[in-house]
Protein backbone atom coordinates (compact mmCIF):
# COMPACT_ATOMS: atom_id res chain seq x y z
CA MET A 1 0.00 0.00 0.00
CA THR A 2 1.39 3.42 -0.97
CA ALA A 3 1.89 6.22 1.55
CA GLU A 4 -0.92 8.20 -0.11
CA ALA A 5 -3.31 5.26 0.12
CA SER A 6 -2.39 4.69 3.76
CA ARG A 7 -3.02 8.36 4.53
CA TYR A 8 -6.37 8.21 2.75
CA LEU A 9 -7.37 5.09 4.69
CA LEU A 10 -6.36 6.68 8.01
CA GLU A 11 -8.32 9.86 7.21
CA SER A 12 -11.37 7.77 6.30
CA VAL A 13 -11.18 5.87 9.59
CA ILE A 14 -10.91 9.12 11.52
CA VAL A 15 -13.91 10.62 9.70
CA LEU A 16 -16.03 7.51 10.26
CA SER A 17 -15.05 7.40 13.93
CA GLY A 18 -16.02 11.04 14.28
CA LEU A 19 -19.37 10.44 12.62
CA ALA A 20 -20.01 7.47 14.89
CA GLY A 21 -19.26 9.62 17.94
CA ILE A 22 -21.58 12.36 16.74
CA LEU A 23 -24.35 9.82 16.07
CA ALA A 24 -23.94 8.34 19.55
CA ALA A 25 -24.14 11.82 21.09
CA LEU A 26 -27.27 12.60 19.08
CA LEU A 27 -28.89 9.40 20.29
CA VAL A 28 -28.15 10.37 23.90
CA VAL A 29 -29.65 13.82 23.33
CA ALA A 30 -32.70 12.30 21.67
CA GLU A 31 -33.19 9.92 24.57
CA ALA A 32 -32.89 12.71 27.12
CA PHE A 33 -34.81 15.52 25.45
CA ILE A 34 -36.93 14.21 22.59
CA ALA A 35 -38.32 10.86 23.74
CA ASP A 36 -41.19 11.38 26.16
CA TYR A 37 -42.36 8.23 27.90
CA GLY A 38 -44.78 10.10 30.13
CA GLU A 39 -45.71 8.80 33.56
CA CYS A 40 -44.90 5.17 34.29
CA ILE A 41 -45.87 2.98 37.23
CA ILE A 42 -43.32 0.78 39.00
CA THR A 43 -45.07 -1.99 40.93
CA ILE A 44 -42.88 -3.45 43.68
CA ASN A 45 -43.50 -6.89 45.18
CA GLY A 46 -47.09 -6.75 43.98
CA GLN A 47 -47.98 -4.20 46.66
CA LYS A 48 -46.21 -0.84 46.46
CA GLU A 49 -46.67 1.44 43.43
CA LEU A 50 -44.41 4.31 42.39
CA ARG A 51 -45.40 6.86 39.77
CA VAL A 52 -42.30 8.11 37.98
CA ARG A 53 -41.36 10.06 34.89
CA GLY A 54 -40.31 7.55 32.24
CA GLY A 55 -36.90 7.55 30.58
CA ASP A 56 -34.50 7.07 33.49
CA THR A 57 -32.97 3.81 34.69
CA LEU A 58 -34.81 1.61 37.15
CA LEU A 59 -31.94 2.10 39.62
CA ASN A 60 -32.23 5.90 39.52
CA SER A 61 -36.02 5.88 39.52
CA LEU A 62 -36.06 3.80 42.69
CA ALA A 63 -33.39 5.95 44.35
CA ALA A 64 -35.41 9.09 43.59
CA ASN A 65 -38.19 7.50 45.65
CA LYS A 66 -35.90 6.62 48.58
CA ILE A 67 -35.53 2.96 47.65
CA PHE A 68 -31.80 2.37 47.43
CA VAL A 69 -30.71 -0.71 45.51
CA PRO A 70 -27.00 -1.42 46.08
CA SER A 71 -24.69 -0.39 43.24
CA ALA A 72 -20.96 -0.43 43.89
CA CYS A 73 -19.99 0.80 40.40
CA GLY A 74 -22.34 3.78 40.28
CA GLY A 75 -24.58 2.40 37.55
CA ARG A 76 -21.93 1.43 34.99
CA GLY A 77 -23.06 -2.19 34.78
CA THR A 78 -19.79 -3.64 36.08
CA CYS A 79 -20.46 -4.69 39.68
CA ALA A 80 -23.74 -6.65 39.28
CA TYR A 81 -24.83 -5.63 42.79
CA CYS A 82 -28.04 -3.98 41.58
CA LYS A 83 -29.85 -7.14 40.51
CA VAL A 84 -33.65 -7.15 40.78
CA LYS A 85 -36.26 -9.49 39.42
CA VAL A 86 -38.25 -7.86 36.59
CA LEU A 87 -41.58 -9.60 36.16
CA GLU A 88 -42.80 -7.53 33.21
CA GLY A 89 -42.13 -4.32 31.34
CA GLY A 90 -38.32 -4.39 31.40
CA GLY A 91 -37.66 -5.13 27.75
CA PRO A 92 -35.02 -7.58 26.50
CA THR A 93 -31.84 -8.36 28.44
CA LEU A 94 -28.97 -6.22 27.14
CA PRO A 95 -25.57 -7.60 26.06
CA VAL A 96 -23.86 -5.68 28.88
CA GLU A 97 -25.94 -7.65 31.40
CA GLU A 98 -25.32 -11.13 29.99
CA PRO A 99 -21.90 -11.81 31.62
CA TYR A 100 -23.33 -11.11 35.08
CA LEU A 101 -26.41 -13.33 34.91
CA THR A 102 -26.58 -17.09 35.40
CA GLY A 103 -28.88 -19.23 33.28
CA LYS A 104 -31.24 -19.59 36.25
CA GLU A 105 -31.30 -15.83 36.80
CA ARG A 106 -32.14 -15.19 33.15
CA GLN A 107 -35.05 -17.64 33.37
CA GLU A 108 -36.33 -15.90 36.50
CA GLY A 109 -36.15 -12.44 34.93
CA VAL A 110 -33.27 -11.12 37.00
CA ARG A 111 -31.82 -7.90 35.55
CA LEU A 112 -29.27 -5.22 36.39
CA SER A 113 -31.46 -2.33 37.47
CA CYS A 114 -28.85 0.20 36.29
CA GLN A 115 -29.35 -1.06 32.71
CA VAL A 116 -33.15 -1.33 32.65
CA LYS A 117 -34.83 1.83 31.37
CA VAL A 118 -38.30 2.67 32.69
CA ARG A 119 -40.17 3.31 29.44
CA ARG A 120 -43.51 1.71 30.32
CA ASN A 121 -45.25 0.31 33.37
CA ILE A 122 -42.93 -2.19 35.00
CA SER A 123 -43.36 -4.82 37.72
CA ILE A 124 -40.41 -5.90 39.89
CA GLU A 125 -39.48 -7.89 42.99
CA ILE A 126 -36.84 -6.73 45.47
CA PRO A 127 -35.74 -7.98 48.92
CA GLU A 128 -37.86 -6.52 51.71
CA ASP A 129 -34.66 -5.40 53.48
CA LEU A 130 -34.16 -2.70 50.86
CA PHE A 131 -37.15 -0.82 52.26
CA ASN A 132 -35.08 -0.31 55.43
CA ILE A 133 -32.15 1.31 53.63
CA ARG A 134 -32.04 5.02 54.43
CA GLN A 135 -30.36 8.16 53.17
CA TYR A 136 -28.18 9.94 55.71
CA ARG A 137 -26.97 13.50 55.97
CA ALA A 138 -23.58 13.88 57.60
CA ARG A 139 -20.79 16.39 58.18
CA VAL A 140 -17.15 15.68 57.37
CA GLU A 141 -15.52 15.64 60.78
CA ARG A 142 -12.02 14.74 59.68
CA ILE A 143 -9.96 13.82 56.61
CA ARG A 144 -6.47 12.44 57.07
CA ASP A 145 -3.87 10.86 54.82
CA LEU A 146 -3.12 7.21 55.49
CA THR A 147 -0.76 6.91 52.49
CA TYR A 148 0.04 9.01 49.43
CA ASP A 149 -3.13 7.69 47.71
CA ILE A 150 -5.42 6.61 50.57
CA LYS A 151 -7.45 8.86 52.86
CA GLU A 152 -9.49 8.17 55.96
CA VAL A 153 -12.75 10.14 56.00
CA ARG A 154 -14.80 10.46 59.18
CA LEU A 155 -18.47 11.44 58.83
CA ALA A 156 -20.51 12.66 61.82
CA LEU A 157 -24.21 11.93 61.32
CA ILE A 158 -26.70 14.77 61.26
CA GLU A 159 -30.00 13.25 60.09
CA PRO A 160 -30.78 10.56 61.06
CA GLY A 161 -28.43 10.94 64.00
CA THR A 162 -27.56 7.26 64.33
CA ILE A 163 -26.92 4.29 62.07
CA ARG A 164 -27.08 0.57 62.75
CA PHE A 165 -24.90 -1.69 60.64
CA ARG A 166 -23.07 -4.99 60.65
CA ALA A 167 -19.30 -4.73 60.68
CA GLY A 168 -18.18 -5.42 57.11
CA GLN A 169 -21.05 -3.65 55.37
CA TYR A 170 -20.72 -0.64 53.06
CA ILE A 171 -22.47 2.63 52.24
CA GLN A 172 -22.94 4.52 48.99
CA LEU A 173 -21.45 8.00 49.11
CA ARG A 174 -23.07 10.69 46.96
CA THR A 175 -20.72 12.78 44.86
CA PRO A 176 -22.36 16.11 43.94
CA PRO A 177 -21.83 17.79 40.55
CA TYR A 178 -18.37 19.39 40.22
CA GLY A 179 -16.11 20.42 37.35
CA ASN A 180 -17.26 18.49 34.28
CA VAL A 181 -19.43 16.13 36.37
CA ARG A 182 -22.98 17.32 35.72
CA GLU A 183 -25.03 14.85 37.76
CA PRO A 184 -24.74 13.32 41.23
CA VAL A 185 -22.94 9.98 41.30
CA TYR A 186 -22.95 7.27 43.98
CA ARG A 187 -19.95 5.07 44.81
CA ALA A 188 -19.66 2.26 47.35
CA TYR A 189 -17.22 2.39 50.29
CA SER A 190 -16.90 -0.06 53.16
CA ILE A 191 -17.34 1.24 56.69
CA SER A 192 -14.07 0.96 58.61
CA SER A 193 -15.28 2.03 62.06
CA PRO A 194 -16.69 -0.37 64.69
CA SER A 195 -20.40 -1.12 64.71
CA GLN A 196 -20.66 -0.05 68.36
CA GLU A 197 -20.10 3.53 67.22
CA THR A 198 -23.48 4.63 65.87
CA ASP A 199 -23.24 8.43 65.60
CA ALA A 200 -20.42 8.51 63.02
CA ILE A 201 -18.75 6.31 60.43
CA GLU A 202 -15.29 6.17 58.94
CA LEU A 203 -14.34 5.29 55.37
CA VAL A 204 -11.02 4.34 53.79
CA ILE A 205 -10.90 5.74 50.25
CA ARG A 206 -8.19 5.02 47.72
CA LEU A 207 -7.57 7.38 44.81
CA VAL A 208 -8.62 5.88 41.49
CA PRO A 209 -7.10 7.63 38.45
CA ASN A 210 -9.89 9.64 36.80
CA GLY A 211 -12.37 8.25 39.34
CA ILE A 212 -15.34 10.57 39.71
CA CYS A 213 -15.89 10.10 43.43
CA THR A 214 -12.28 9.67 44.53
CA THR A 215 -11.22 12.76 42.58
CA TRP A 216 -13.93 14.71 44.41
CA VAL A 217 -12.82 13.32 47.78
CA PHE A 218 -9.13 14.06 47.18
CA ASN A 219 -9.46 17.45 45.46
CA TYR A 220 -12.73 19.01 46.63
CA LEU A 221 -13.96 17.50 49.90
CA GLU A 222 -13.05 19.39 53.08
CA ALA A 223 -13.72 19.10 56.79
CA GLY A 224 -16.98 20.80 57.73
CA GLN A 225 -18.79 20.01 54.45
CA GLU A 226 -22.11 18.22 54.47
CA VAL A 227 -22.49 15.02 52.45
CA LEU A 228 -25.18 12.47 51.69
CA PHE A 229 -24.88 8.70 51.73
CA SER A 230 -27.25 5.73 51.72
CA GLY A 231 -26.98 2.36 53.37
CA PRO A 232 -25.99 0.14 54.95
CA PHE A 233 -25.61 -2.55 52.28
CA GLY A 234 -23.94 -5.92 51.90
CA ASN A 235 -23.68 -9.46 53.23
CA PHE A 236 -19.98 -9.36 54.09
CA TYR A 237 -19.95 -9.87 57.86
CA LEU A 238 -18.51 -12.21 60.46
CA ARG A 239 -20.29 -15.56 60.80
CA ASP A 240 -20.88 -16.90 64.30
CA THR A 241 -18.93 -20.17 64.36
CA ALA A 242 -15.98 -21.66 66.21
CA ALA A 243 -13.62 -21.69 63.20
CA GLU A 244 -10.38 -19.74 63.11
CA MET A 245 -10.77 -16.51 61.14
CA ILE A 246 -8.39 -15.82 58.25
CA PHE A 247 -8.65 -12.29 56.89
CA VAL A 248 -7.06 -11.25 53.58
CA ALA A 249 -7.08 -7.74 52.12
CA GLY A 250 -5.23 -5.36 49.86
CA GLY A 251 -5.30 -1.56 49.73
CA SER A 252 -8.56 -0.01 50.90
CA GLY A 253 -9.88 -3.54 51.39
CA PHE A 254 -8.46 -3.01 54.89
CA ALA A 255 -11.63 -1.07 55.77
CA PRO A 256 -14.22 -3.82 56.41
CA ILE A 257 -11.62 -6.07 58.08
CA LYS A 258 -10.73 -3.25 60.48
CA SER A 259 -14.43 -2.77 61.26
CA ILE A 260 -14.89 -6.50 61.95
CA LEU A 261 -11.81 -6.72 64.19
CA LEU A 262 -12.74 -3.65 66.23
CA SER A 263 -16.37 -4.75 66.50
CA ALA A 264 -15.74 -8.34 67.64
CA PRO A 265 -12.61 -8.58 69.81
CA GLU A 266 -14.25 -11.32 71.89
CA ALA A 267 -14.61 -13.48 68.77
CA VAL A 268 -10.89 -13.02 68.04
CA ASP A 269 -10.01 -14.05 71.59
CA ARG A 270 -12.28 -17.11 71.38
CA ARG A 271 -11.60 -18.29 67.83
CA GLY A 272 -8.20 -16.88 66.94
CA GLY A 273 -7.46 -14.93 63.77
CA ARG A 274 -4.80 -14.03 61.24
CA PHE A 275 -4.84 -11.04 58.92
CA PHE A 276 -2.81 -11.19 55.69
CA PHE A 277 -2.48 -7.70 54.21
CA GLY A 278 -0.95 -7.35 50.76
CA ALA A 279 0.77 -4.15 49.62
CA ARG A 280 3.29 -3.24 46.95
CA SER A 281 5.93 -1.42 49.02
CA VAL A 282 6.46 0.15 52.44
CA ARG A 283 4.81 3.39 51.40
CA ASP A 284 1.57 1.48 50.73
CA LEU A 285 1.29 0.22 54.32
CA PHE A 286 -0.95 1.89 56.89
CA TYR A 287 -2.63 1.20 60.26
CA LEU A 288 0.55 -0.63 61.32
CA GLU A 289 0.54 0.84 64.84
CA LEU A 290 -3.17 0.07 65.19
CA MET A 291 -2.58 -3.57 64.27
CA ARG A 292 0.48 -3.87 66.55
CA ASP A 293 -1.60 -2.60 69.48
CA TYR A 294 -4.45 -4.92 68.55
CA ALA A 295 -2.15 -7.93 68.40
CA SER A 296 -0.68 -7.01 71.79
CA ALA A 297 -4.15 -6.85 73.31
CA HIS A 298 -5.30 -10.10 71.66
CA PRO A 299 -2.62 -12.83 71.80
CA ARG A 300 -4.57 -15.17 69.48
CA PHE A 301 -4.43 -12.59 66.67
CA GLU A 302 -1.57 -12.15 64.19
CA PHE A 303 -1.16 -9.37 61.61
CA ILE A 304 0.92 -10.43 58.59
CA PRO A 305 1.72 -7.64 56.11
CA ALA A 306 3.40 -8.71 52.86
CA LEU A 307 5.13 -6.62 50.20
CA SER A 308 5.05 -7.79 46.59
CA GLU A 309 7.58 -5.22 45.30
CA PRO A 310 9.67 -3.93 48.24
CA HIS A 311 12.04 -1.16 47.24
CA PRO A 312 15.72 -2.01 47.79
CA ASP A 313 16.26 1.24 49.72
CA GLU A 314 13.33 0.62 52.08
CA PRO A 315 14.06 -1.26 55.33
CA TRP A 316 11.75 -4.28 55.41
CA HIS A 317 12.16 -7.47 57.37
CA GLY A 318 8.67 -8.90 56.94
CA GLU A 319 7.07 -11.22 54.40
CA THR A 320 7.62 -10.64 50.67
CA GLY A 321 5.74 -11.87 47.62
CA LEU A 322 2.12 -11.86 46.54
CA VAL A 323 -0.32 -12.24 49.40
CA THR A 324 -1.38 -15.63 48.02
CA GLU A 325 2.24 -16.82 48.10
CA VAL A 326 2.55 -15.75 51.72
CA MET A 327 -0.71 -17.49 52.60
CA ALA A 328 0.51 -20.69 50.96
CA ARG A 329 3.67 -20.56 53.10
CA ARG A 330 1.94 -19.70 56.36
CA LEU A 331 -1.20 -21.85 56.21
CA ALA A 332 -0.69 -25.59 56.58
CA ASP A 333 -4.24 -26.37 55.48
CA ALA A 334 -7.72 -24.88 55.24
CA SER A 335 -9.48 -27.11 57.75
CA ASN A 336 -11.50 -25.58 60.61
CA LYS A 337 -11.04 -22.08 59.20
CA GLU A 338 -13.20 -19.35 57.69
CA PHE A 339 -11.85 -16.94 55.13
CA TYR A 340 -12.81 -13.29 54.73
CA LEU A 341 -11.39 -11.64 51.61
CA CYS A 342 -11.62 -8.02 50.52
CA GLY A 343 -9.88 -6.36 47.59
CA SER A 344 -9.65 -6.23 43.83
CA PRO A 345 -11.38 -8.88 41.69
CA GLY A 346 -7.98 -10.24 40.64
CA MET A 347 -6.82 -10.68 44.23
CA ILE A 348 -10.12 -12.30 45.24
CA GLN A 349 -9.99 -14.77 42.34
CA ALA A 350 -6.39 -15.72 43.11
CA CYS A 351 -7.20 -16.26 46.79
CA VAL A 352 -10.27 -18.36 46.05
CA ARG A 353 -8.27 -20.58 43.66
CA LEU A 354 -5.59 -21.09 46.31
CA LEU A 355 -8.06 -21.85 49.09
CA ARG A 356 -9.96 -24.34 46.96
CA SER A 357 -6.68 -26.09 46.15
CA MET A 358 -6.05 -26.32 49.90
CA GLY A 359 -9.40 -28.00 50.47
CA ALA A 360 -11.57 -25.05 51.51
CA SER A 361 -15.19 -25.24 50.41
CA ASP A 362 -17.05 -22.22 49.04
CA GLU A 363 -19.25 -22.30 52.16
CA VAL A 364 -16.37 -21.00 54.30
CA ILE A 365 -15.05 -18.39 51.83
CA PHE A 366 -16.66 -14.95 52.10
CA PHE A 367 -15.54 -12.00 50.02
CA ASP A 368 -16.21 -8.39 49.13
CA SER A 369 -14.84 -7.71 45.66
CA PHE A 370 -14.21 -4.09 44.67
CA ALA A 371 -15.61 -3.41 41.19
């Protein structure tokens, strides 16, 4: 192919790509401003009816009526937390939903509520517990750096003035419009404070490059500001058994483990526990003094930090390697143990594979995967 032909082909691709982008933008505009679906009725569990303006997602329509379906990814269709059963009126399942639905779920009409548009009357089923989820108004009491890219945010409740939650659960923090962000966005963050403390919560938030909510937290949020959040959500909590507890986390996955440990010291004393925390280098470690004090107060607990890429100039005399490698060295077997994992999907998958190879059944592996 000649240079002129190559240039012509490249220019054609650029033009077509531009036209495709313009067409997509026009479709979004048409959906938002031209299409008028009028008033639609959402029937919930065959009993409750909501009258909403058609055109928005089912997730947003429910949230606007104070029914908060969990959504860790903020409605992007990547976490699959916002599943509801759509009995009628939801339209066909979209390709973006397919990877997150089992064959049984598809047969039962389960959908991702962030992907279902309310364009006609729709009938759904949701867990009754969701009616108890509330929206909270709080004031930022404190923000402090834990590492170069992780902050601890403490929120003092204003209205309601108290919250009840299980250690390990999460909330959805509302990011208001700022900069080029034109609409409020919700993101999920695990509560890191103990459940005995009901008038405030703490969050551990790690900066995500170009993340809408984390950018707001790191660059705009200040002590004294008021914020909104909904919750609590999630089924990641300590089970009441006699098995030894093995905790595994990376990065901000420390948050729910910290909450569980501080909320149930008697369980640690009775059952024993080990906490494997994976980080890249020394500068990624935090809460070390807290864990040293905790281990001193609870002799049956051991904190095991591990560095996968320790810097040669950093003094480090602890474990090295991936957290799964350290677990394989330190755990003789998986019998009479329960495993609580929190971190990235990749870390969770690697841990689950290891634990299964060691004989652990899925019934004793609990995890909270960050989308």
